[in-house]
Amino acid sequence: FFPPTVLASANLACVRGERLIFSDVSFTLPAGAALVVTGANGSGKTSLLRIVCGLLEAESGEILWNGSSTRALGDDYFSALAYVGHHNGLKDDLSAVENLRIWAGVAGIPIDRNTALSALRRFGLEGREDFPVRWLSQGQKRRAALARLPVARRPLWVMDEPFAGLDRAATDSVESLLGEHLAGGGMAVLTTHQPLGDIAAPVQPLVLGH
């Protein structure tokens, strides 16, 4: 279980080029809850997630972690989050196991082969763990990327369209894992074009561009 934490934004604004993408975006997300970000294409959903992760600087406003600016916290904040972006970030020449273990090592979460295999098999990749990623379907590649989440052991999950390309069984697996994460005091910020299934945790909607 994770200690109580609160993620918040205060009057965020995002500008790309000379265009204002969004402004005055504020939310407060307690432990055990998910923030589901929706909106039309171009409304800034991915940009908001990248701001939350520190990969993009907001035009104004800030992200707060337990009341402190994430810019000031630096690694104390970044080490608390796991991010799965819209792109899977996998190396085609490496296997799913190799990709997962290298990602974990870079993230400071060294894992052994058995732990990596267990995570991949939870996402239905049994028998394909040692295939070069280029041999996998798009849905299987997405599952290989999402397998980072159960090994991350970090309270904040940030996921950009985690269900893209997944079949119903894989979607159910992700929703089940998310429910377990929230029940343990974790939190999640995600974009999705589909409603979440039956997750026994508070789900906060945030609609951009309305």
Protein backbone atom coordinates (compact mmCIF):
# COMPACT_ATOMS: atom_id res chain seq x y z
CA PHE A 1 0.00 0.00 0.00
CA PHE A 2 1.13 3.54 -0.77
CA PRO A 3 1.15 6.38 1.75
CA PRO A 4 -1.54 9.06 1.33
CA THR A 5 -0.68 11.48 -1.46
CA VAL A 6 -2.46 14.24 -3.35
CA LEU A 7 -1.79 15.33 -6.93
CA ALA A 8 -3.18 18.71 -7.96
CA SER A 9 -2.96 21.28 -10.69
CA ALA A 10 -3.45 25.00 -10.25
CA ASN A 11 -4.63 27.10 -13.21
CA LEU A 12 -2.65 25.27 -15.87
CA ALA A 13 -2.39 26.76 -19.34
CA CYS A 14 -0.72 25.22 -22.38
CA VAL A 15 0.44 27.00 -25.54
CA ARG A 16 1.81 25.23 -28.63
CA GLY A 17 3.33 27.57 -31.18
CA GLU A 18 1.14 30.63 -30.87
CA ARG A 19 -2.04 28.71 -30.13
CA LEU A 20 -3.61 28.47 -26.67
CA ILE A 21 -4.48 24.80 -26.24
CA PHE A 22 -6.14 25.06 -22.84
CA SER A 23 -6.19 27.34 -19.82
CA ASP A 24 -7.43 27.44 -16.21
CA VAL A 25 -7.19 23.67 -15.77
CA SER A 26 -7.30 22.77 -12.10
CA PHE A 27 -7.95 19.47 -10.35
CA THR A 28 -7.28 17.72 -7.07
CA LEU A 29 -6.69 13.97 -7.17
CA PRO A 30 -6.46 12.08 -3.87
CA ALA A 31 -4.90 8.69 -3.31
CA GLY A 32 -7.08 5.83 -4.50
CA ALA A 33 -8.70 7.79 -7.33
CA ALA A 34 -8.35 8.11 -11.10
CA LEU A 35 -8.56 11.23 -13.25
CA VAL A 36 -9.94 10.44 -16.71
CA VAL A 37 -9.09 13.16 -19.24
CA THR A 38 -11.29 13.40 -22.33
CA GLY A 39 -11.86 15.91 -25.12
CA ALA A 40 -11.80 16.32 -28.85
CA ASN A 41 -8.65 15.78 -30.89
CA GLY A 42 -6.37 18.77 -30.42
CA SER A 43 -7.86 19.74 -27.06
CA GLY A 44 -4.56 19.07 -25.27
CA LYS A 45 -5.05 15.70 -23.61
CA THR A 46 -1.56 14.40 -24.35
CA SER A 47 -0.04 17.79 -23.58
CA LEU A 48 -1.69 17.77 -20.14
CA LEU A 49 -0.27 14.33 -19.39
CA ARG A 50 3.18 15.44 -20.52
CA ILE A 51 2.94 18.46 -18.21
CA VAL A 52 1.98 16.17 -15.32
CA CYS A 53 5.06 14.04 -16.09
CA GLY A 54 7.39 17.04 -16.39
CA LEU A 55 8.03 16.36 -20.09
CA LEU A 56 6.40 19.62 -21.17
CA GLU A 57 6.43 22.97 -19.41
CA ALA A 58 3.10 24.69 -18.84
CA GLU A 59 2.64 28.23 -20.08
CA SER A 60 1.34 29.10 -16.62
CA GLY A 61 0.18 27.32 -13.49
CA GLU A 62 1.84 24.36 -11.83
CA ILE A 63 1.53 20.75 -10.77
CA LEU A 64 1.56 20.10 -7.04
CA TRP A 65 2.50 16.89 -5.22
CA ASN A 66 1.37 16.93 -1.60
CA GLY A 67 1.17 20.70 -1.82
CA SER A 68 4.69 21.24 -3.19
CA SER A 69 5.60 22.26 -6.73
CA THR A 70 6.82 19.29 -8.74
CA ARG A 71 9.43 21.55 -10.36
CA ALA A 72 10.93 22.15 -6.91
CA LEU A 73 10.65 18.49 -5.89
CA GLY A 74 12.45 17.21 -8.98
CA ASP A 75 13.42 13.56 -8.66
CA ASP A 76 11.47 13.19 -5.43
CA TYR A 77 8.37 13.57 -7.59
CA PHE A 78 9.52 11.91 -10.82
CA SER A 79 10.53 8.76 -8.94
CA ALA A 80 6.92 8.45 -7.77
CA LEU A 81 5.38 8.15 -11.23
CA ALA A 82 5.24 5.63 -14.07
CA TYR A 83 4.36 6.87 -17.56
CA VAL A 84 3.10 4.91 -20.54
CA GLY A 85 2.75 7.27 -23.48
CA HIS A 86 0.77 7.00 -26.69
CA HIS A 87 3.87 5.51 -28.35
CA ASN A 88 4.99 2.22 -26.85
CA GLY A 89 8.69 3.08 -26.68
CA LEU A 90 9.83 -0.46 -27.51
CA LYS A 91 12.94 -1.49 -29.43
CA ASP A 92 11.91 -3.81 -32.26
CA ASP A 93 15.12 -5.85 -32.24
CA LEU A 94 14.75 -6.76 -28.56
CA SER A 95 12.31 -9.21 -27.01
CA ALA A 96 9.46 -8.17 -24.76
CA VAL A 97 11.43 -9.44 -21.74
CA GLU A 98 14.54 -7.52 -22.74
CA ASN A 99 12.55 -4.34 -23.34
CA LEU A 100 10.88 -4.58 -19.96
CA ARG A 101 14.08 -5.28 -18.04
CA ILE A 102 16.00 -2.49 -19.78
CA TRP A 103 13.16 -0.02 -19.09
CA ALA A 104 13.09 -1.08 -15.45
CA GLY A 105 16.85 -0.71 -15.10
CA VAL A 106 16.80 2.79 -16.57
CA ALA A 107 13.93 3.67 -14.22
CA GLY A 108 15.93 2.42 -11.25
CA ILE A 109 13.74 -0.66 -10.75
CA PRO A 110 15.99 -3.63 -11.51
CA ILE A 111 13.94 -6.80 -11.94
CA ASP A 112 14.88 -10.39 -12.59
CA ARG A 113 13.67 -12.43 -15.55
CA ASN A 114 10.95 -14.23 -13.58
CA THR A 115 9.40 -10.94 -12.46
CA ALA A 116 9.42 -9.67 -16.05
CA LEU A 117 7.87 -12.90 -17.32
CA SER A 118 5.12 -12.73 -14.70
CA ALA A 119 4.23 -9.18 -15.68
CA LEU A 120 4.12 -10.00 -19.40
CA ARG A 121 2.07 -13.14 -18.88
CA ARG A 122 -0.48 -11.15 -16.91
CA PHE A 123 -1.09 -9.29 -20.16
CA GLY A 124 -1.54 -12.44 -22.20
CA LEU A 125 1.94 -12.60 -23.71
CA GLU A 126 2.82 -16.09 -22.51
CA GLY A 127 4.82 -17.85 -25.20
CA ARG A 128 5.77 -14.56 -26.86
CA GLU A 129 8.02 -13.09 -24.16
CA ASP A 130 11.23 -13.89 -26.03
CA PHE A 131 10.04 -12.98 -29.53
CA PRO A 132 11.58 -9.88 -31.10
CA VAL A 133 9.03 -7.13 -30.60
CA ARG A 134 8.78 -6.61 -34.37
CA TRP A 135 7.06 -10.01 -34.56
CA LEU A 136 4.25 -8.90 -32.26
CA SER A 137 0.94 -7.42 -33.34
CA GLN A 138 0.11 -3.81 -32.44
CA GLY A 139 -2.10 -4.99 -29.61
CA GLN A 140 0.64 -7.25 -28.27
CA LYS A 141 3.15 -4.40 -28.42
CA ARG A 142 0.76 -2.25 -26.42
CA ARG A 143 0.44 -4.98 -23.81
CA ALA A 144 4.24 -5.30 -23.63
CA ALA A 145 4.46 -1.57 -22.90
CA LEU A 146 1.70 -1.70 -20.27
CA ALA A 147 3.51 -4.55 -18.49
CA ARG A 148 5.76 -1.82 -17.05
CA LEU A 149 3.00 -0.81 -14.68
CA PRO A 150 2.87 -3.86 -12.38
CA VAL A 151 6.65 -3.80 -11.94
CA ALA A 152 6.92 -0.03 -11.42
CA ARG A 153 5.68 -0.07 -7.81
CA ARG A 154 5.03 3.67 -8.01
CA PRO A 155 1.97 5.49 -6.67
CA LEU A 156 1.18 7.64 -9.71
CA TRP A 157 0.38 6.05 -13.06
CA VAL A 158 0.07 8.34 -16.10
CA MET A 159 -1.30 6.58 -19.18
CA ASP A 160 -2.05 8.01 -22.62
CA GLU A 161 -4.75 5.92 -24.33
CA PRO A 162 -3.82 2.70 -22.51
CA PHE A 163 -6.64 0.74 -24.19
CA ALA A 164 -5.71 1.63 -27.77
CA GLY A 165 -5.37 -1.50 -29.88
CA LEU A 166 -6.41 -3.86 -27.08
CA ASP A 167 -9.06 -6.56 -27.37
CA ARG A 168 -11.69 -7.06 -24.69
CA ALA A 169 -9.64 -9.57 -22.69
CA ALA A 170 -6.59 -7.30 -22.59
CA THR A 171 -8.76 -4.30 -21.71
CA ASP A 172 -10.24 -6.28 -18.82
CA SER A 173 -6.71 -7.11 -17.61
CA VAL A 174 -5.69 -3.45 -17.63
CA GLU A 175 -8.86 -2.40 -15.82
CA SER A 176 -8.35 -5.14 -13.22
CA LEU A 177 -4.77 -4.03 -12.65
CA LEU A 178 -5.85 -0.40 -12.37
CA GLY A 179 -8.49 -1.34 -9.82
CA GLU A 180 -5.88 -3.15 -7.71
CA HIS A 181 -3.54 -0.16 -7.95
CA LEU A 182 -6.20 2.28 -6.78
CA ALA A 183 -7.37 -0.05 -4.01
CA GLY A 184 -3.80 -0.04 -2.69
CA GLY A 185 -3.73 3.75 -2.41
CA GLY A 186 -2.28 4.47 -5.83
CA MET A 187 -3.65 7.03 -8.27
CA ALA A 188 -3.88 7.33 -12.03
CA VAL A 189 -4.22 10.01 -14.68
CA LEU A 190 -5.26 8.70 -18.06
CA THR A 191 -6.76 9.63 -21.40
CA THR A 192 -9.22 7.29 -23.06
CA HIS A 193 -11.92 7.31 -25.71
CA GLN A 194 -13.89 4.61 -23.93
CA PRO A 195 -15.55 4.51 -20.52
CA LEU A 196 -13.78 2.63 -17.76
CA GLY A 197 -15.31 -0.64 -16.69
CA ASP A 198 -16.54 -1.46 -13.22
CA ILE A 199 -13.72 -0.09 -11.07
CA ALA A 200 -14.53 0.18 -7.36
CA ALA A 201 -12.74 3.50 -6.90
CA PRO A 202 -13.55 7.17 -7.39
CA VAL A 203 -13.20 8.26 -11.01
CA GLN A 204 -12.99 11.99 -11.72
CA PRO A 205 -13.76 13.27 -15.23
CA LEU A 206 -11.83 16.16 -16.75
CA VAL A 207 -13.10 17.36 -20.12
CA LEU A 208 -10.78 19.62 -22.10
CA GLY A 209 -11.97 22.06 -24.74
CA HIS A 210 -15.58 22.35 -23.64
